[in-house]
Amino acid sequence: MLDLQRLEMGWEDSSRVTRGHFEESTHRVLEAVFRQLHNPKLLLVSVDCVVALEVPLHMPLAFEPMKLRGFLTVVTIGGFLVLAEVVQRLIIVPLAWAGPARKDRVLAVWLRGLASAIIGGVRSVGGGKFAPLPTIPFAPGVLVLMNHQSLLDIPIVVQCVEGGYLRIVTRKRYARGVPAISRLIKLYDFPLVDPTGGMREQVKVLREAARDPRVPIVVYPEGTRSRDGELLPFRRGAVDALLRHRQWKVYLATADGTLPCGRLKDMLNGVQMVDCRVNVSGPFDTPTDPKDFRFWLEEMEGRMRKDLTELRSPAAVSNRTPETHGVETSRAEASKAEPVTERPE
């Protein structure tokens, strides 16, 4: 029979032990509960939070207690995206297509609003921290290369672009089944690539994207999210395809401190540890000779690696202010951006 008095005393004594001991004790208590209850239906567990769990007999005994902030953050953002899907379908899409003259303005406001809501949820509900974001100009022929640590990378780079929106090279699998995001991909005409579909198809998609340089394009040259926050070697495919069809003004966007939101599971367990810092450097001109693409991309990778190291330095963390954080590019500078020229086929 389960000794409820002993269990209750265990919780009362938890205030006198460290957090690590408390969580370890929690696991032992839960294992005892699972072993002794013959018909478990509902279990309320308090570890920084109260979580309701349906506990079938076949459930594994070992699991991590869900943190309240992470759970509430995921629920808040998920609920917002479901609502955003309805608003996007019924209001934003008709507005964008009914008034071509104001389409860019509608798309810019909506995309920045979505990004702001996601970052705001992580900050307000999850307790994450965000340093002031630097600026990337909304100008013709802008190409952004960004490292890829987490689910927050897209809303972060969206917030960095002032006065407009951008197109993000995206995996094809996200074009279906994701509330708000899948329809957004179609609405903004994001270039869709399928890593399993062959390089020829990817080149075709990116060539078409390069033909319209009016809106900045974002590429994650690592090709996948980093699992430990370190910069992965750049993959040449997508960047090469873009470089071959146009000259670009390239900005490097380097983000750090978002690894606690690397995956949905990570967000549940550590959203409060987000300490986002972003640096933007550039613009850099792209080479005119395709023979130089490889060396140029290696140089960009080295610069981004250096920027990431500087973001992690104690001096950068202690001295970071809105005036010195990242590379601030004003709208005036953006308006002076040089016109871009398309490469001959």
C-alpha atoms as a PDB file:
ATOM      1  CA  MET A   1       0.000   0.000   0.000  1.00  0.00           C
ATOM      2  CA  LEU A   2       1.249   3.500  -0.816  1.00  0.00           C
ATOM      3  CA  ASP A   3       2.477   5.418   2.227  1.00  0.00           C
ATOM      4  CA  LEU A   4       0.896   8.836   1.590  1.00  0.00           C
ATOM      5  CA  GLN A   5       2.165  10.311   4.853  1.00  0.00           C
ATOM      6  CA  ARG A   6       5.723   9.433   3.931  1.00  0.00           C
ATOM      7  CA  LEU A   7       5.193  10.866   0.456  1.00  0.00           C
ATOM      8  CA  GLU A   8       3.832  14.126   1.872  1.00  0.00           C
ATOM      9  CA  MET A   9       6.809  14.438   4.236  1.00  0.00           C
ATOM     10  CA  GLY A  10       9.109  13.983   1.261  1.00  0.00           C
ATOM     11  CA  TRP A  11       7.619  17.023  -0.433  1.00  0.00           C
ATOM     12  CA  GLU A  12       7.782  19.103   2.746  1.00  0.00           C
ATOM     13  CA  ASP A  13      11.445  18.245   3.261  1.00  0.00           C
ATOM     14  CA  SER A  14      12.253  19.258  -0.307  1.00  0.00           C
ATOM     15  CA  SER A  15      12.533  22.922   0.661  1.00  0.00           C
ATOM     16  CA  ARG A  16      15.693  22.106   2.626  1.00  0.00           C
ATOM     17  CA  VAL A  17      17.605  20.454  -0.200  1.00  0.00           C
ATOM     18  CA  THR A  18      19.212  21.712  -3.362  1.00  0.00           C
ATOM     19  CA  ARG A  19      17.376  21.785  -6.685  1.00  0.00           C
ATOM     20  CA  GLY A  20      19.439  18.860  -7.980  1.00  0.00           C
ATOM     21  CA  HIS A  21      18.639  16.735  -4.933  1.00  0.00           C
ATOM     22  CA  PHE A  22      15.011  17.803  -5.153  1.00  0.00           C
ATOM     23  CA  GLU A  23      14.651  16.636  -8.756  1.00  0.00           C
ATOM     24  CA  GLU A  24      16.482  13.388  -7.962  1.00  0.00           C
ATOM     25  CA  SER A  25      14.128  12.783  -5.043  1.00  0.00           C
ATOM     26  CA  THR A  26      11.198  13.536  -7.333  1.00  0.00           C
ATOM     27  CA  HIS A  27      12.220  10.766  -9.705  1.00  0.00           C
ATOM     28  CA  ARG A  28      12.420   8.279  -6.810  1.00  0.00           C
ATOM     29  CA  VAL A  29       9.008   9.313  -5.506  1.00  0.00           C
ATOM     30  CA  LEU A  30       7.421   8.991  -8.946  1.00  0.00           C
ATOM     31  CA  GLU A  31       8.919   5.546  -9.468  1.00  0.00           C
ATOM     32  CA  ALA A  32       7.495   4.465  -6.115  1.00  0.00           C
ATOM     33  CA  VAL A  33       4.078   5.818  -7.089  1.00  0.00           C
ATOM     34  CA  PHE A  34       4.086   3.980 -10.422  1.00  0.00           C
ATOM     35  CA  ARG A  35       5.097   0.694  -8.803  1.00  0.00           C
ATOM     36  CA  GLN A  36       2.499   0.799  -6.054  1.00  0.00           C
ATOM     37  CA  LEU A  37      -0.573   2.208  -7.811  1.00  0.00           C
ATOM     38  CA  HIS A  38      -2.574  -0.521  -9.554  1.00  0.00           C
ATOM     39  CA  ASN A  39      -5.000   1.747 -11.445  1.00  0.00           C
ATOM     40  CA  PRO A  40      -3.283   5.107 -11.925  1.00  0.00           C
ATOM     41  CA  LYS A  41      -5.420   7.662 -13.699  1.00  0.00           C
ATOM     42  CA  LEU A  42      -4.197  11.134 -12.915  1.00  0.00           C
ATOM     43  CA  LEU A  43      -1.096  12.304 -11.126  1.00  0.00           C
ATOM     44  CA  LEU A  44      -0.351  15.856 -10.087  1.00  0.00           C
ATOM     45  CA  VAL A  45       3.343  16.546  -9.704  1.00  0.00           C
ATOM     46  CA  SER A  46       4.786  19.724  -8.225  1.00  0.00           C
ATOM     47  CA  VAL A  47       8.334  20.570  -9.257  1.00  0.00           C
ATOM     48  CA  ASP A  48       8.404  24.305  -9.859  1.00  0.00           C
ATOM     49  CA  CYS A  49       5.024  23.668 -11.403  1.00  0.00           C
ATOM     50  CA  VAL A  50       1.863  21.571 -11.389  1.00  0.00           C
ATOM     51  CA  VAL A  51       1.509  19.252 -14.354  1.00  0.00           C
ATOM     52  CA  ALA A  52      -1.426  16.952 -15.076  1.00  0.00           C
ATOM     53  CA  LEU A  53      -0.338  13.672 -16.622  1.00  0.00           C
ATOM     54  CA  GLU A  54      -2.392  10.734 -17.850  1.00  0.00           C
ATOM     55  CA  VAL A  55      -0.359   7.763 -16.605  1.00  0.00           C
ATOM     56  CA  PRO A  56      -1.083   4.441 -18.326  1.00  0.00           C
ATOM     57  CA  LEU A  57       0.427   1.309 -16.806  1.00  0.00           C
ATOM     58  CA  HIS A  58       2.813   0.798 -19.732  1.00  0.00           C
ATOM     59  CA  MET A  59       4.399   4.265 -19.496  1.00  0.00           C
ATOM     60  CA  PRO A  60       8.192   4.175 -18.830  1.00  0.00           C
ATOM     61  CA  LEU A  61       9.074   5.120 -15.291  1.00  0.00           C
ATOM     62  CA  ALA A  62      11.815   7.582 -16.143  1.00  0.00           C
ATOM     63  CA  PHE A  63      10.785  10.997 -17.510  1.00  0.00           C
ATOM     64  CA  GLU A  64      11.670  14.649 -16.947  1.00  0.00           C
ATOM     65  CA  PRO A  65       9.138  16.744 -15.024  1.00  0.00           C
ATOM     66  CA  MET A  66       7.885  19.423 -17.386  1.00  0.00           C
ATOM     67  CA  LYS A  67       8.861  22.944 -16.437  1.00  0.00           C
ATOM     68  CA  LEU A  68       5.909  25.268 -16.121  1.00  0.00           C
ATOM     69  CA  ARG A  69       7.442  28.125 -18.067  1.00  0.00           C
ATOM     70  CA  GLY A  70       8.431  25.929 -20.972  1.00  0.00           C
ATOM     71  CA  PHE A  71       5.007  24.317 -21.084  1.00  0.00           C
ATOM     72  CA  LEU A  72       3.178  27.647 -20.945  1.00  0.00           C
ATOM     73  CA  THR A  73       5.477  29.155 -23.587  1.00  0.00           C
ATOM     74  CA  VAL A  74       4.849  26.316 -26.019  1.00  0.00           C
ATOM     75  CA  VAL A  75       1.093  26.422 -25.364  1.00  0.00           C
ATOM     76  CA  THR A  76       0.997  30.214 -25.764  1.00  0.00           C
ATOM     77  CA  ILE A  77       2.965  30.265 -29.016  1.00  0.00           C
ATOM     78  CA  GLY A  78       1.118  27.222 -30.363  1.00  0.00           C
ATOM     79  CA  GLY A  79      -2.248  28.789 -29.602  1.00  0.00           C
ATOM     80  CA  PHE A  80      -1.143  32.033 -31.197  1.00  0.00           C
ATOM     81  CA  LEU A  81      -0.079  30.245 -34.388  1.00  0.00           C
ATOM     82  CA  VAL A  82      -3.444  28.502 -34.627  1.00  0.00           C
ATOM     83  CA  LEU A  83      -5.193  31.868 -34.266  1.00  0.00           C
ATOM     84  CA  ALA A  84      -2.752  33.430 -36.728  1.00  0.00           C
ATOM     85  CA  GLU A  85      -3.639  30.757 -39.281  1.00  0.00           C
ATOM     86  CA  VAL A  86      -7.275  31.906 -39.186  1.00  0.00           C
ATOM     87  CA  VAL A  87      -6.386  35.611 -39.368  1.00  0.00           C
ATOM     88  CA  GLN A  88      -3.930  34.990 -42.178  1.00  0.00           C
ATOM     89  CA  ARG A  89      -6.440  32.996 -44.200  1.00  0.00           C
ATOM     90  CA  LEU A  90      -9.413  35.340 -43.734  1.00  0.00           C
ATOM     91  CA  ILE A  91      -7.785  38.783 -43.579  1.00  0.00           C
ATOM     92  CA  ILE A  92      -4.115  38.953 -44.581  1.00  0.00           C
ATOM     93  CA  VAL A  93      -4.319  36.954 -47.825  1.00  0.00           C
ATOM     94  CA  PRO A  94      -7.326  38.932 -49.172  1.00  0.00           C
ATOM     95  CA  LEU A  95      -5.668  42.230 -48.189  1.00  0.00           C
ATOM     96  CA  ALA A  96      -2.422  41.299 -49.899  1.00  0.00           C
ATOM     97  CA  TRP A  97      -4.044  40.279 -53.167  1.00  0.00           C
ATOM     98  CA  ALA A  98      -6.808  42.906 -53.252  1.00  0.00           C
ATOM     99  CA  GLY A  99      -4.401  45.832 -53.159  1.00  0.00           C
ATOM    100  CA  PRO A 100      -1.173  45.159 -55.096  1.00  0.00           C
ATOM    101  CA  ALA A 101       0.053  48.676 -54.349  1.00  0.00           C
ATOM    102  CA  ARG A 102       0.046  48.011 -50.627  1.00  0.00           C
ATOM    103  CA  LYS A 103       0.922  44.309 -50.776  1.00  0.00           C
ATOM    104  CA  ASP A 104       4.524  44.794 -49.642  1.00  0.00           C
ATOM    105  CA  ARG A 105       3.411  46.889 -46.687  1.00  0.00           C
ATOM    106  CA  VAL A 106       0.813  44.317 -45.605  1.00  0.00           C
ATOM    107  CA  LEU A 107       3.304  41.452 -45.901  1.00  0.00           C
ATOM    108  CA  ALA A 108       5.986  43.358 -43.988  1.00  0.00           C
ATOM    109  CA  VAL A 109       3.696  44.294 -41.100  1.00  0.00           C
ATOM    110  CA  TRP A 110       2.243  40.784 -40.819  1.00  0.00           C
ATOM    111  CA  LEU A 111       5.590  38.965 -40.890  1.00  0.00           C
ATOM    112  CA  ARG A 112       7.151  41.291 -38.325  1.00  0.00           C
ATOM    113  CA  GLY A 113       4.044  40.953 -36.176  1.00  0.00           C
ATOM    114  CA  LEU A 114       4.323  37.160 -36.150  1.00  0.00           C
ATOM    115  CA  ALA A 115       8.022  37.317 -35.322  1.00  0.00           C
ATOM    116  CA  SER A 116       7.446  39.882 -32.580  1.00  0.00           C
ATOM    117  CA  ALA A 117       4.715  37.737 -30.997  1.00  0.00           C
ATOM    118  CA  ILE A 118       6.928  34.624 -30.936  1.00  0.00           C
ATOM    119  CA  ILE A 119       9.891  36.477 -29.443  1.00  0.00           C
ATOM    120  CA  GLY A 120       7.545  38.238 -27.030  1.00  0.00           C
ATOM    121  CA  GLY A 121       6.163  34.888 -25.882  1.00  0.00           C
ATOM    122  CA  VAL A 122       9.635  33.532 -25.198  1.00  0.00           C
ATOM    123  CA  ARG A 123      10.564  36.729 -23.363  1.00  0.00           C
ATOM    124  CA  SER A 124       7.380  37.396 -21.383  1.00  0.00           C
ATOM    125  CA  VAL A 125       6.113  33.885 -20.677  1.00  0.00           C
ATOM    126  CA  GLY A 126       9.327  31.897 -20.839  1.00  0.00           C
ATOM    127  CA  GLY A 127      11.614  34.430 -19.174  1.00  0.00           C
ATOM    128  CA  GLY A 128      14.143  34.451 -22.044  1.00  0.00           C
ATOM    129  CA  LYS A 129      16.408  37.450 -22.571  1.00  0.00           C
ATOM    130  CA  PHE A 130      17.065  39.269 -25.844  1.00  0.00           C
ATOM    131  CA  ALA A 131      19.693  41.950 -26.391  1.00  0.00           C
ATOM    132  CA  PRO A 132      18.720  44.783 -28.773  1.00  0.00           C
ATOM    133  CA  LEU A 133      18.692  43.478 -32.325  1.00  0.00           C
ATOM    134  CA  PRO A 134      20.891  45.007 -35.042  1.00  0.00           C
ATOM    135  CA  THR A 135      19.485  46.083 -38.384  1.00  0.00           C
ATOM    136  CA  ILE A 136      19.674  44.618 -41.872  1.00  0.00           C
ATOM    137  CA  PRO A 137      18.540  46.948 -44.686  1.00  0.00           C
ATOM    138  CA  PHE A 138      15.494  46.188 -46.771  1.00  0.00           C
ATOM    139  CA  ALA A 139      17.092  46.864 -50.134  1.00  0.00           C
ATOM    140  CA  PRO A 140      17.398  45.223 -53.555  1.00  0.00           C
ATOM    141  CA  GLY A 141      20.035  42.528 -53.915  1.00  0.00           C
ATOM    142  CA  VAL A 142      20.543  41.811 -50.207  1.00  0.00           C
ATOM    143  CA  LEU A 143      21.570  38.262 -49.294  1.00  0.00           C
ATOM    144  CA  VAL A 144      21.703  37.250 -45.619  1.00  0.00           C
ATOM    145  CA  LEU A 145      23.784  34.305 -44.411  1.00  0.00           C
ATOM    146  CA  MET A 146      22.823  33.221 -40.885  1.00  0.00           C
ATOM    147  CA  ASN A 147      23.938  30.483 -38.522  1.00  0.00           C
ATOM    148  CA  HIS A 148      21.256  28.041 -37.418  1.00  0.00           C
ATOM    149  CA  GLN A 149      20.965  27.233 -33.695  1.00  0.00           C
ATOM    150  CA  SER A 150      17.292  27.085 -32.916  1.00  0.00           C
ATOM    151  CA  LEU A 151      13.622  27.560 -33.722  1.00  0.00           C
ATOM    152  CA  LEU A 152      14.073  31.264 -32.948  1.00  0.00           C
ATOM    153  CA  ASP A 153      16.459  31.982 -35.819  1.00  0.00           C
ATOM    154  CA  ILE A 154      13.688  32.835 -38.277  1.00  0.00           C
ATOM    155  CA  PRO A 155      11.769  35.305 -36.057  1.00  0.00           C
ATOM    156  CA  ILE A 156      15.106  36.869 -35.063  1.00  0.00           C
ATOM    157  CA  VAL A 157      16.239  37.567 -38.628  1.00  0.00           C
ATOM    158  CA  VAL A 158      12.744  38.792 -39.539  1.00  0.00           C
ATOM    159  CA  GLN A 159      12.936  41.340 -36.728  1.00  0.00           C
ATOM    160  CA  CYS A 160      16.355  42.491 -37.937  1.00  0.00           C
ATOM    161  CA  VAL A 161      15.032  43.574 -41.354  1.00  0.00           C
ATOM    162  CA  GLU A 162      13.539  47.049 -41.106  1.00  0.00           C
ATOM    163  CA  GLY A 163      10.999  48.507 -43.454  1.00  0.00           C
ATOM    164  CA  GLY A 164      10.122  45.327 -45.304  1.00  0.00           C
ATOM    165  CA  TYR A 165      10.048  41.553 -45.319  1.00  0.00           C
ATOM    166  CA  LEU A 166      12.313  38.810 -46.620  1.00  0.00           C
ATOM    167  CA  ARG A 167      12.299  35.410 -48.245  1.00  0.00           C
ATOM    168  CA  ILE A 168      13.893  32.466 -46.489  1.00  0.00           C
ATOM    169  CA  VAL A 169      15.241  29.401 -48.257  1.00  0.00           C
ATOM    170  CA  THR A 170      13.145  26.702 -46.568  1.00  0.00           C
ATOM    171  CA  ARG A 171      12.901  22.931 -46.592  1.00  0.00           C
ATOM    172  CA  LYS A 172       9.961  21.676 -48.592  1.00  0.00           C
ATOM    173  CA  ARG A 173       8.588  19.557 -45.738  1.00  0.00           C
ATOM    174  CA  TYR A 174       7.535  22.697 -43.825  1.00  0.00           C
ATOM    175  CA  ALA A 175       5.186  23.756 -46.624  1.00  0.00           C
ATOM    176  CA  ARG A 176       2.461  21.488 -45.216  1.00  0.00           C
ATOM    177  CA  GLY A 177       0.938  20.823 -41.837  1.00  0.00           C
ATOM    178  CA  VAL A 178       2.405  23.667 -39.755  1.00  0.00           C
ATOM    179  CA  PRO A 179      -0.234  26.164 -38.529  1.00  0.00           C
ATOM    180  CA  ALA A 180       0.307  29.666 -39.976  1.00  0.00           C
ATOM    181  CA  ILE A 181       3.835  28.782 -41.149  1.00  0.00           C
ATOM    182  CA  SER A 182       2.902  26.554 -44.100  1.00  0.00           C
ATOM    183  CA  ARG A 183       0.476  29.106 -45.535  1.00  0.00           C
ATOM    184  CA  LEU A 184       2.974  31.885 -44.829  1.00  0.00           C
ATOM    185  CA  ILE A 185       5.608  30.052 -46.899  1.00  0.00           C
ATOM    186  CA  LYS A 186       3.258  30.101 -49.882  1.00  0.00           C
ATOM    187  CA  LEU A 187       2.102  33.682 -49.291  1.00  0.00           C
ATOM    188  CA  TYR A 188       5.669  35.046 -49.193  1.00  0.00           C
ATOM    189  CA  ASP A 189       6.901  32.757 -51.963  1.00  0.00           C
ATOM    190  CA  PHE A 190       9.743  31.290 -49.909  1.00  0.00           C
ATOM    191  CA  PRO A 191      12.147  29.261 -52.074  1.00  0.00           C
ATOM    192  CA  LEU A 192      11.510  25.597 -51.213  1.00  0.00           C
ATOM    193  CA  VAL A 193      14.323  23.057 -51.436  1.00  0.00           C
ATOM    194  CA  ASP A 194      14.219  19.314 -50.942  1.00  0.00           C
ATOM    195  CA  PRO A 195      17.598  17.873 -49.867  1.00  0.00           C
ATOM    196  CA  THR A 196      16.451  14.445 -51.050  1.00  0.00           C
ATOM    197  CA  GLY A 197      15.298  15.666 -54.465  1.00  0.00           C
ATOM    198  CA  GLY A 198      18.641  16.175 -56.159  1.00  0.00           C
ATOM    199  CA  MET A 199      20.807  19.232 -56.741  1.00  0.00           C
ATOM    200  CA  ARG A 200      19.365  20.052 -60.163  1.00  0.00           C
ATOM    201  CA  GLU A 201      15.915  20.810 -58.747  1.00  0.00           C
ATOM    202  CA  GLN A 202      17.393  22.933 -55.949  1.00  0.00           C
ATOM    203  CA  VAL A 203      19.446  24.965 -58.413  1.00  0.00           C
ATOM    204  CA  LYS A 204      16.328  25.604 -60.491  1.00  0.00           C
ATOM    205  CA  VAL A 205      14.388  26.888 -57.465  1.00  0.00           C
ATOM    206  CA  LEU A 206      17.223  29.144 -56.314  1.00  0.00           C
ATOM    207  CA  ARG A 207      17.835  30.472 -59.812  1.00  0.00           C
ATOM    208  CA  GLU A 208      14.229  31.639 -59.930  1.00  0.00           C
ATOM    209  CA  ALA A 209      14.623  33.252 -56.504  1.00  0.00           C
ATOM    210  CA  ALA A 210      17.734  35.103 -57.671  1.00  0.00           C
ATOM    211  CA  ARG A 211      15.826  36.606 -60.607  1.00  0.00           C
ATOM    212  CA  ASP A 212      13.807  38.779 -58.215  1.00  0.00           C
ATOM    213  CA  PRO A 213      16.331  40.590 -55.982  1.00  0.00           C
ATOM    214  CA  ARG A 214      13.764  43.148 -54.788  1.00  0.00           C
ATOM    215  CA  VAL A 215      13.292  41.327 -51.464  1.00  0.00           C
ATOM    216  CA  PRO A 216      16.237  40.173 -49.280  1.00  0.00           C
ATOM    217  CA  ILE A 217      16.878  36.432 -49.269  1.00  0.00           C
ATOM    218  CA  VAL A 218      18.030  34.495 -46.198  1.00  0.00           C
ATOM    219  CA  VAL A 219      20.088  31.310 -46.418  1.00  0.00           C
ATOM    220  CA  TYR A 220      21.305  29.061 -43.596  1.00  0.00           C
ATOM    221  CA  PRO A 221      24.553  27.828 -45.187  1.00  0.00           C
ATOM    222  CA  GLU A 222      25.106  25.127 -42.554  1.00  0.00           C
ATOM    223  CA  GLY A 223      22.140  23.305 -44.070  1.00  0.00           C
ATOM    224  CA  THR A 224      20.789  22.114 -40.707  1.00  0.00           C
ATOM    225  CA  ARG A 225      20.522  23.182 -37.074  1.00  0.00           C
ATOM    226  CA  SER A 226      23.597  22.885 -34.907  1.00  0.00           C
ATOM    227  CA  ARG A 227      23.009  20.542 -31.968  1.00  0.00           C
ATOM    228  CA  ASP A 228      25.682  22.059 -29.733  1.00  0.00           C
ATOM    229  CA  GLY A 229      25.570  25.700 -30.818  1.00  0.00           C
ATOM    230  CA  GLU A 230      28.904  25.541 -32.636  1.00  0.00           C
ATOM    231  CA  LEU A 231      29.090  26.667 -36.247  1.00  0.00           C
ATOM    232  CA  LEU A 232      28.902  23.781 -38.715  1.00  0.00           C
ATOM    233  CA  PRO A 233      30.887  23.779 -41.979  1.00  0.00           C
ATOM    234  CA  PHE A 234      29.126  25.721 -44.721  1.00  0.00           C
ATOM    235  CA  ARG A 235      27.536  23.748 -47.533  1.00  0.00           C
ATOM    236  CA  ARG A 236      28.174  25.329 -50.892  1.00  0.00           C
ATOM    237  CA  GLY A 237      25.107  24.158 -52.818  1.00  0.00           C
ATOM    238  CA  ALA A 238      22.447  26.790 -52.078  1.00  0.00           C
ATOM    239  CA  VAL A 239      24.869  29.715 -51.826  1.00  0.00           C
ATOM    240  CA  ASP A 240      26.667  28.765 -55.045  1.00  0.00           C
ATOM    241  CA  ALA A 241      23.363  28.568 -56.901  1.00  0.00           C
ATOM    242  CA  LEU A 242      22.453  32.100 -55.795  1.00  0.00           C
ATOM    243  CA  LEU A 243      25.893  33.555 -56.494  1.00  0.00           C
ATOM    244  CA  ARG A 244      25.954  32.247 -60.047  1.00  0.00           C
ATOM    245  CA  HIS A 245      22.971  34.315 -61.150  1.00  0.00           C
ATOM    246  CA  ARG A 246      23.446  37.700 -59.498  1.00  0.00           C
ATOM    247  CA  GLN A 247      25.826  39.920 -57.609  1.00  0.00           C
ATOM    248  CA  TRP A 248      24.705  40.493 -54.025  1.00  0.00           C
ATOM    249  CA  LYS A 249      25.311  42.679 -51.030  1.00  0.00           C
ATOM    250  CA  VAL A 250      25.890  40.042 -48.352  1.00  0.00           C
ATOM    251  CA  TYR A 251      25.267  40.445 -44.619  1.00  0.00           C
ATOM    252  CA  LEU A 252      26.329  37.906 -42.008  1.00  0.00           C
ATOM    253  CA  ALA A 253      23.801  37.484 -39.181  1.00  0.00           C
ATOM    254  CA  THR A 254      25.267  35.586 -36.243  1.00  0.00           C
ATOM    255  CA  ALA A 255      23.031  34.610 -33.315  1.00  0.00           C
ATOM    256  CA  ASP A 256      24.002  32.951 -30.044  1.00  0.00           C
ATOM    257  CA  GLY A 257      22.273  32.031 -26.803  1.00  0.00           C
ATOM    258  CA  THR A 258      19.179  30.497 -28.413  1.00  0.00           C
ATOM    259  CA  LEU A 259      20.229  26.832 -28.142  1.00  0.00           C
ATOM    260  CA  PRO A 260      17.728  26.255 -25.259  1.00  0.00           C
ATOM    261  CA  CYS A 261      15.079  26.588 -27.997  1.00  0.00           C
ATOM    262  CA  GLY A 262      16.918  24.349 -30.438  1.00  0.00           C
ATOM    263  CA  ARG A 263      13.992  21.922 -30.611  1.00  0.00           C
ATOM    264  CA  LEU A 264      10.505  21.813 -29.147  1.00  0.00           C
ATOM    265  CA  LYS A 265      11.719  19.416 -26.451  1.00  0.00           C
ATOM    266  CA  ASP A 266      14.509  21.825 -25.541  1.00  0.00           C
ATOM    267  CA  MET A 267      12.048  24.696 -25.310  1.00  0.00           C
ATOM    268  CA  LEU A 268       9.924  22.751 -22.827  1.00  0.00           C
ATOM    269  CA  ASN A 269      12.891  22.161 -20.551  1.00  0.00           C
ATOM    270  CA  GLY A 270      14.994  25.304 -20.849  1.00  0.00           C
ATOM    271  CA  VAL A 271      13.264  28.288 -22.437  1.00  0.00           C
ATOM    272  CA  GLN A 272      14.123  30.435 -19.424  1.00  0.00           C
ATOM    273  CA  MET A 273      17.832  29.983 -20.233  1.00  0.00           C
ATOM    274  CA  VAL A 274      17.571  31.802 -23.579  1.00  0.00           C
ATOM    275  CA  ASP A 275      20.013  34.729 -23.642  1.00  0.00           C
ATOM    276  CA  CYS A 276      19.921  35.866 -27.256  1.00  0.00           C
ATOM    277  CA  ARG A 277      22.708  37.993 -28.698  1.00  0.00           C
ATOM    278  CA  VAL A 278      22.947  38.876 -32.384  1.00  0.00           C
ATOM    279  CA  ASN A 279      25.653  40.478 -34.489  1.00  0.00           C
ATOM    280  CA  VAL A 280      25.331  41.645 -38.087  1.00  0.00           C
ATOM    281  CA  SER A 281      28.390  42.371 -40.217  1.00  0.00           C
ATOM    282  CA  GLY A 282      28.651  43.560 -43.795  1.00  0.00           C
ATOM    283  CA  PRO A 283      27.868  44.321 -46.491  1.00  0.00           C
ATOM    284  CA  PHE A 284      30.313  42.162 -48.419  1.00  0.00           C
ATOM    285  CA  ASP A 285      30.488  42.053 -52.198  1.00  0.00           C
ATOM    286  CA  THR A 286      30.224  38.697 -53.929  1.00  0.00           C
ATOM    287  CA  PRO A 287      32.954  37.605 -56.360  1.00  0.00           C
ATOM    288  CA  THR A 288      32.398  37.956 -60.087  1.00  0.00           C
ATOM    289  CA  ASP A 289      34.401  34.879 -61.055  1.00  0.00           C
ATOM    290  CA  PRO A 290      32.784  31.515 -60.165  1.00  0.00           C
ATOM    291  CA  LYS A 291      36.266  30.150 -59.512  1.00  0.00           C
ATOM    292  CA  ASP A 292      36.431  32.408 -56.463  1.00  0.00           C
ATOM    293  CA  PHE A 293      33.114  31.283 -54.918  1.00  0.00           C
ATOM    294  CA  ARG A 294      34.692  28.549 -52.806  1.00  0.00           C
ATOM    295  CA  PHE A 295      37.357  30.790 -51.282  1.00  0.00           C
ATOM    296  CA  TRP A 296      34.850  33.589 -50.728  1.00  0.00           C
ATOM    297  CA  LEU A 297      32.466  31.251 -48.888  1.00  0.00           C
ATOM    298  CA  GLU A 298      35.330  29.969 -46.731  1.00  0.00           C
ATOM    299  CA  GLU A 299      36.115  33.585 -45.864  1.00  0.00           C
ATOM    300  CA  MET A 300      32.480  34.209 -44.895  1.00  0.00           C
ATOM    301  CA  GLU A 301      32.505  31.089 -42.727  1.00  0.00           C
ATOM    302  CA  GLY A 302      35.664  32.290 -40.992  1.00  0.00           C
ATOM    303  CA  ARG A 303      34.138  35.721 -40.372  1.00  0.00           C
ATOM    304  CA  MET A 304      30.980  34.203 -38.914  1.00  0.00           C
ATOM    305  CA  ARG A 305      33.019  31.892 -36.703  1.00  0.00           C
ATOM    306  CA  LYS A 306      34.937  34.922 -35.438  1.00  0.00           C
ATOM    307  CA  ASP A 307      31.689  36.846 -34.823  1.00  0.00           C
ATOM    308  CA  LEU A 308      30.319  33.897 -32.832  1.00  0.00           C
ATOM    309  CA  THR A 309      33.463  33.794 -30.692  1.00  0.00           C
ATOM    310  CA  GLU A 310      33.227  37.530 -30.030  1.00  0.00           C
ATOM    311  CA  LEU A 311      29.574  37.231 -28.994  1.00  0.00           C
ATOM    312  CA  ARG A 312      30.640  34.720 -26.348  1.00  0.00           C
ATOM    313  CA  SER A 313      33.550  36.742 -24.980  1.00  0.00           C
ATOM    314  CA  PRO A 314      33.084  38.105 -21.429  1.00  0.00           C
ATOM    315  CA  ALA A 315      33.937  41.615 -22.608  1.00  0.00           C
ATOM    316  CA  ALA A 316      31.230  41.556 -25.274  1.00  0.00           C
ATOM    317  CA  VAL A 317      28.632  40.328 -22.779  1.00  0.00           C
ATOM    318  CA  SER A 318      29.479  42.896 -20.101  1.00  0.00           C
ATOM    319  CA  ASN A 319      29.821  45.857 -22.477  1.00  0.00           C
ATOM    320  CA  ARG A 320      26.822  45.169 -24.687  1.00  0.00           C
ATOM    321  CA  THR A 321      24.570  48.209 -25.077  1.00  0.00           C
ATOM    322  CA  PRO A 322      21.943  49.228 -27.632  1.00  0.00           C
ATOM    323  CA  GLU A 323      24.498  51.584 -29.202  1.00  0.00           C
ATOM    324  CA  THR A 324      27.300  49.028 -29.594  1.00  0.00           C
ATOM    325  CA  HIS A 325      25.333  45.817 -30.105  1.00  0.00           C
ATOM    326  CA  GLY A 326      25.907  44.430 -33.570  1.00  0.00           C
ATOM    327  CA  VAL A 327      26.180  46.562 -36.688  1.00  0.00           C
ATOM    328  CA  GLU A 328      23.426  49.129 -36.907  1.00  0.00           C
ATOM    329  CA  THR A 329      22.414  49.918 -40.494  1.00  0.00           C
ATOM    330  CA  SER A 330      20.016  52.817 -40.796  1.00  0.00           C
ATOM    331  CA  ARG A 331      17.226  53.247 -43.299  1.00  0.00           C
ATOM    332  CA  ALA A 332      19.252  56.073 -44.832  1.00  0.00           C
ATOM    333  CA  GLU A 333      22.111  53.674 -45.486  1.00  0.00           C
ATOM    334  CA  ALA A 334      19.675  51.154 -46.909  1.00  0.00           C
ATOM    335  CA  SER A 335      18.376  53.714 -49.385  1.00  0.00           C
ATOM    336  CA  LYS A 336      21.938  54.257 -50.624  1.00  0.00           C
ATOM    337  CA  ALA A 337      22.449  50.584 -51.453  1.00  0.00           C
ATOM    338  CA  GLU A 338      23.996  50.139 -54.865  1.00  0.00           C
ATOM    339  CA  PRO A 339      21.827  48.651 -57.602  1.00  0.00           C
ATOM    340  CA  VAL A 340      22.526  45.006 -58.265  1.00  0.00           C
ATOM    341  CA  THR A 341      23.248  43.513 -61.638  1.00  0.00           C
ATOM    342  CA  GLU A 342      22.122  40.166 -62.896  1.00  0.00           C
ATOM    343  CA  ARG A 343      24.777  37.820 -64.179  1.00  0.00           C
ATOM    344  CA  PRO A 344      24.436  36.737 -67.799  1.00  0.00           C
ATOM    345  CA  GLU A 345      23.094  33.226 -68.202  1.00  0.00           C
END
